[in-house]
Amino acid sequence: MSKIVDTTSPNSEGEMLWCVHFKSSYYDDDPRMPGTVPVDSRSYVLAKGREEAISKAEADITKARKRIDKNADEEIEATIVTLENLIPARDSSDEGRMGWVSNEKLRAVELSCPEDTNRYRLRVCLVPVK
């Protein structure tokens, strides 16, 4: 059985926890509040490198791309997550518009790729499932 990874280091397969952050926008011409709306998507995956992390997050990126304007600028950042500073949830209170109030102020930080979730659970450390 693999050991629990509780500091920023590779797991037994040489993978590290990555956050792939897709950023773009679309223009909403709603007469009540027209303007540019940001599109933000974060995926947490286990990968050996940046390119592998982005390819594992491709499903989430494709889903987010469906919401953006054709000519909108887009940016993809992939960074290694430091487990020592990881908190199990992130603030999602500002993700709404036009008076929408989230009934869930914290959103869990979870692994996004099914291939990873079959092998690990993300808590404040990576715990092998099998």
C-alpha atoms as a PDB file:
ATOM      1  CA  MET A   1       0.000   0.000   0.000  1.00  0.00           C
ATOM      2  CA  SER A   2       1.204   3.502  -0.848  1.00  0.00           C
ATOM      3  CA  LYS A   3       1.941   5.930   1.912  1.00  0.00           C
ATOM      4  CA  ILE A   4      -0.143   9.021   2.653  1.00  0.00           C
ATOM      5  CA  VAL A   5       1.296  12.123   0.986  1.00  0.00           C
ATOM      6  CA  ASP A   6       1.049  14.925   3.548  1.00  0.00           C
ATOM      7  CA  THR A   7       3.700  17.342   2.294  1.00  0.00           C
ATOM      8  CA  THR A   8       4.299  18.776  -1.157  1.00  0.00           C
ATOM      9  CA  SER A   9       6.070  15.869  -2.798  1.00  0.00           C
ATOM     10  CA  PRO A  10       5.289  13.315  -5.509  1.00  0.00           C
ATOM     11  CA  ASN A  11       3.160  10.284  -4.681  1.00  0.00           C
ATOM     12  CA  SER A  12       4.432   6.743  -5.305  1.00  0.00           C
ATOM     13  CA  GLU A  13       3.670   7.107  -9.061  1.00  0.00           C
ATOM     14  CA  GLY A  14       5.648  10.370  -9.305  1.00  0.00           C
ATOM     15  CA  GLU A  15       2.544  12.572  -9.613  1.00  0.00           C
ATOM     16  CA  MET A  16       1.856  15.818  -7.776  1.00  0.00           C
ATOM     17  CA  LEU A  17      -1.358  17.703  -7.069  1.00  0.00           C
ATOM     18  CA  TRP A  18      -1.959  20.440  -9.693  1.00  0.00           C
ATOM     19  CA  CYS A  19      -4.553  23.206  -9.924  1.00  0.00           C
ATOM     20  CA  VAL A  20      -5.526  24.014 -13.512  1.00  0.00           C
ATOM     21  CA  HIS A  21      -7.220  27.424 -13.618  1.00  0.00           C
ATOM     22  CA  PHE A  22      -9.094  28.452 -16.785  1.00  0.00           C
ATOM     23  CA  LYS A  23      -9.962  32.166 -16.999  1.00  0.00           C
ATOM     24  CA  SER A  24     -11.996  33.978 -19.646  1.00  0.00           C
ATOM     25  CA  SER A  25     -15.216  36.002 -19.955  1.00  0.00           C
ATOM     26  CA  TYR A  26     -18.390  36.673 -21.907  1.00  0.00           C
ATOM     27  CA  TYR A  27     -20.507  39.781 -22.429  1.00  0.00           C
ATOM     28  CA  ASP A  28     -23.970  39.628 -20.884  1.00  0.00           C
ATOM     29  CA  ASP A  29     -26.327  42.192 -22.418  1.00  0.00           C
ATOM     30  CA  ASP A  30     -29.052  41.675 -19.839  1.00  0.00           C
ATOM     31  CA  PRO A  31     -30.711  45.135 -19.538  1.00  0.00           C
ATOM     32  CA  ARG A  32     -30.824  44.854 -15.738  1.00  0.00           C
ATOM     33  CA  MET A  33     -27.041  44.616 -15.473  1.00  0.00           C
ATOM     34  CA  PRO A  34     -25.134  44.481 -18.767  1.00  0.00           C
ATOM     35  CA  GLY A  35     -21.420  43.870 -18.677  1.00  0.00           C
ATOM     36  CA  THR A  36     -18.548  41.453 -18.928  1.00  0.00           C
ATOM     37  CA  VAL A  37     -18.925  38.348 -16.788  1.00  0.00           C
ATOM     38  CA  PRO A  38     -15.855  36.339 -15.805  1.00  0.00           C
ATOM     39  CA  VAL A  39     -15.709  32.604 -16.489  1.00  0.00           C
ATOM     40  CA  ASP A  40     -13.587  30.819 -13.915  1.00  0.00           C
ATOM     41  CA  SER A  41     -12.970  27.081 -13.753  1.00  0.00           C
ATOM     42  CA  ARG A  42     -10.590  25.311 -11.365  1.00  0.00           C
ATOM     43  CA  SER A  43      -9.684  21.654 -11.684  1.00  0.00           C
ATOM     44  CA  TYR A  44      -7.531  19.682  -9.268  1.00  0.00           C
ATOM     45  CA  VAL A  45      -5.679  16.751 -10.823  1.00  0.00           C
ATOM     46  CA  LEU A  46      -2.742  14.457 -10.152  1.00  0.00           C
ATOM     47  CA  ALA A  47      -0.081  14.716 -12.850  1.00  0.00           C
ATOM     48  CA  LYS A  48       3.632  14.364 -13.482  1.00  0.00           C
ATOM     49  CA  GLY A  49       3.879  17.662 -15.372  1.00  0.00           C
ATOM     50  CA  ARG A  50       2.088  20.770 -16.570  1.00  0.00           C
ATOM     51  CA  GLU A  51       0.966  19.402 -19.938  1.00  0.00           C
ATOM     52  CA  GLU A  52      -0.440  16.223 -18.382  1.00  0.00           C
ATOM     53  CA  ALA A  53      -2.319  18.326 -15.797  1.00  0.00           C
ATOM     54  CA  ILE A  54      -3.903  20.461 -18.511  1.00  0.00           C
ATOM     55  CA  SER A  55      -4.872  17.415 -20.572  1.00  0.00           C
ATOM     56  CA  LYS A  56      -6.515  15.773 -17.529  1.00  0.00           C
ATOM     57  CA  ALA A  57      -8.512  18.972 -16.922  1.00  0.00           C
ATOM     58  CA  GLU A  58      -9.589  19.201 -20.582  1.00  0.00           C
ATOM     59  CA  ALA A  59     -13.187  18.103 -19.856  1.00  0.00           C
ATOM     60  CA  ASP A  60     -13.677  20.962 -17.375  1.00  0.00           C
ATOM     61  CA  ILE A  61     -11.933  23.426 -19.712  1.00  0.00           C
ATOM     62  CA  THR A  62     -14.140  22.384 -22.650  1.00  0.00           C
ATOM     63  CA  LYS A  63     -17.240  22.827 -20.496  1.00  0.00           C
ATOM     64  CA  ALA A  64     -16.101  26.331 -19.461  1.00  0.00           C
ATOM     65  CA  ARG A  65     -15.239  27.263 -23.075  1.00  0.00           C
ATOM     66  CA  LYS A  66     -18.880  26.732 -24.071  1.00  0.00           C
ATOM     67  CA  ARG A  67     -19.799  29.755 -21.944  1.00  0.00           C
ATOM     68  CA  ILE A  68     -17.294  32.284 -23.327  1.00  0.00           C
ATOM     69  CA  ASP A  69     -17.503  34.683 -26.292  1.00  0.00           C
ATOM     70  CA  LYS A  70     -15.861  33.662 -29.571  1.00  0.00           C
ATOM     71  CA  ASN A  71     -13.165  36.339 -29.470  1.00  0.00           C
ATOM     72  CA  ALA A  72     -12.658  36.414 -25.712  1.00  0.00           C
ATOM     73  CA  ASP A  73      -9.148  36.113 -24.361  1.00  0.00           C
ATOM     74  CA  GLU A  74      -8.561  32.981 -22.369  1.00  0.00           C
ATOM     75  CA  GLU A  75      -5.811  32.005 -19.994  1.00  0.00           C
ATOM     76  CA  ILE A  76      -4.894  28.604 -18.568  1.00  0.00           C
ATOM     77  CA  GLU A  77      -2.642  28.420 -15.531  1.00  0.00           C
ATOM     78  CA  ALA A  78      -1.378  25.129 -14.130  1.00  0.00           C
ATOM     79  CA  THR A  79       0.395  25.263 -10.785  1.00  0.00           C
ATOM     80  CA  ILE A  80       1.464  22.736  -8.202  1.00  0.00           C
ATOM     81  CA  VAL A  81      -0.672  22.953  -5.071  1.00  0.00           C
ATOM     82  CA  THR A  82       1.317  23.114  -1.849  1.00  0.00           C
ATOM     83  CA  LEU A  83      -0.294  20.636   0.519  1.00  0.00           C
ATOM     84  CA  GLU A  84       1.041  22.479   3.564  1.00  0.00           C
ATOM     85  CA  ASN A  85      -1.100  25.510   2.672  1.00  0.00           C
ATOM     86  CA  LEU A  86      -4.114  23.627   1.300  1.00  0.00           C
ATOM     87  CA  ILE A  87      -7.447  24.217   2.954  1.00  0.00           C
ATOM     88  CA  PRO A  88     -10.253  21.714   2.312  1.00  0.00           C
ATOM     89  CA  ALA A  89     -12.650  24.354   0.946  1.00  0.00           C
ATOM     90  CA  ARG A  90     -12.545  27.625  -0.981  1.00  0.00           C
ATOM     91  CA  ASP A  91     -14.736  30.711  -0.721  1.00  0.00           C
ATOM     92  CA  SER A  92     -17.492  30.585  -3.348  1.00  0.00           C
ATOM     93  CA  SER A  93     -19.594  33.481  -2.052  1.00  0.00           C
ATOM     94  CA  ASP A  94     -18.689  35.822  -4.947  1.00  0.00           C
ATOM     95  CA  GLU A  95     -19.533  33.427  -7.760  1.00  0.00           C
ATOM     96  CA  GLY A  96     -23.050  34.779  -8.401  1.00  0.00           C
ATOM     97  CA  ARG A  97     -24.476  37.860 -10.125  1.00  0.00           C
ATOM     98  CA  MET A  98     -27.488  40.149  -9.938  1.00  0.00           C
ATOM     99  CA  GLY A  99     -28.355  39.504  -6.315  1.00  0.00           C
ATOM    100  CA  TRP A 100     -27.959  35.737  -6.502  1.00  0.00           C
ATOM    101  CA  VAL A 101     -26.832  34.520  -3.119  1.00  0.00           C
ATOM    102  CA  SER A 102     -25.121  31.182  -2.771  1.00  0.00           C
ATOM    103  CA  ASN A 103     -26.583  28.907  -0.137  1.00  0.00           C
ATOM    104  CA  GLU A 104     -23.155  27.320   0.091  1.00  0.00           C
ATOM    105  CA  LYS A 105     -20.433  29.812   1.019  1.00  0.00           C
ATOM    106  CA  LEU A 106     -17.670  27.210   0.877  1.00  0.00           C
ATOM    107  CA  ARG A 107     -17.077  24.849  -2.018  1.00  0.00           C
ATOM    108  CA  ALA A 108     -15.028  21.725  -1.424  1.00  0.00           C
ATOM    109  CA  VAL A 109     -11.657  21.445  -3.118  1.00  0.00           C
ATOM    110  CA  GLU A 110     -11.888  18.060  -4.839  1.00  0.00           C
ATOM    111  CA  LEU A 111      -9.999  16.062  -7.446  1.00  0.00           C
ATOM    112  CA  SER A 112     -11.667  16.651 -10.813  1.00  0.00           C
ATOM    113  CA  CYS A 113     -10.454  13.785 -12.992  1.00  0.00           C
ATOM    114  CA  PRO A 114     -12.300  10.442 -12.540  1.00  0.00           C
ATOM    115  CA  GLU A 115      -9.028   8.611 -13.195  1.00  0.00           C
ATOM    116  CA  ASP A 116      -7.587  10.298 -10.076  1.00  0.00           C
ATOM    117  CA  THR A 117     -10.668   9.918  -7.873  1.00  0.00           C
ATOM    118  CA  ASN A 118     -10.597   6.151  -8.374  1.00  0.00           C
ATOM    119  CA  ARG A 119      -7.113   6.063  -6.850  1.00  0.00           C
ATOM    120  CA  TYR A 120      -7.003   8.900  -4.272  1.00  0.00           C
ATOM    121  CA  ARG A 121      -9.147  11.064  -2.048  1.00  0.00           C
ATOM    122  CA  LEU A 122      -8.061  14.661  -1.497  1.00  0.00           C
ATOM    123  CA  ARG A 123      -8.243  15.871   2.065  1.00  0.00           C
ATOM    124  CA  VAL A 124      -5.484  17.946   3.603  1.00  0.00           C
ATOM    125  CA  CYS A 125      -3.308  15.122   2.339  1.00  0.00           C
ATOM    126  CA  LEU A 126      -3.584  12.529  -0.438  1.00  0.00           C
ATOM    127  CA  VAL A 127      -4.922   9.266   0.991  1.00  0.00           C
ATOM    128  CA  PRO A 128      -4.618   6.157  -1.212  1.00  0.00           C
ATOM    129  CA  VAL A 129      -7.999   4.516  -1.803  1.00  0.00           C
ATOM    130  CA  LYS A 130      -6.646   0.973  -2.284  1.00  0.00           C
END
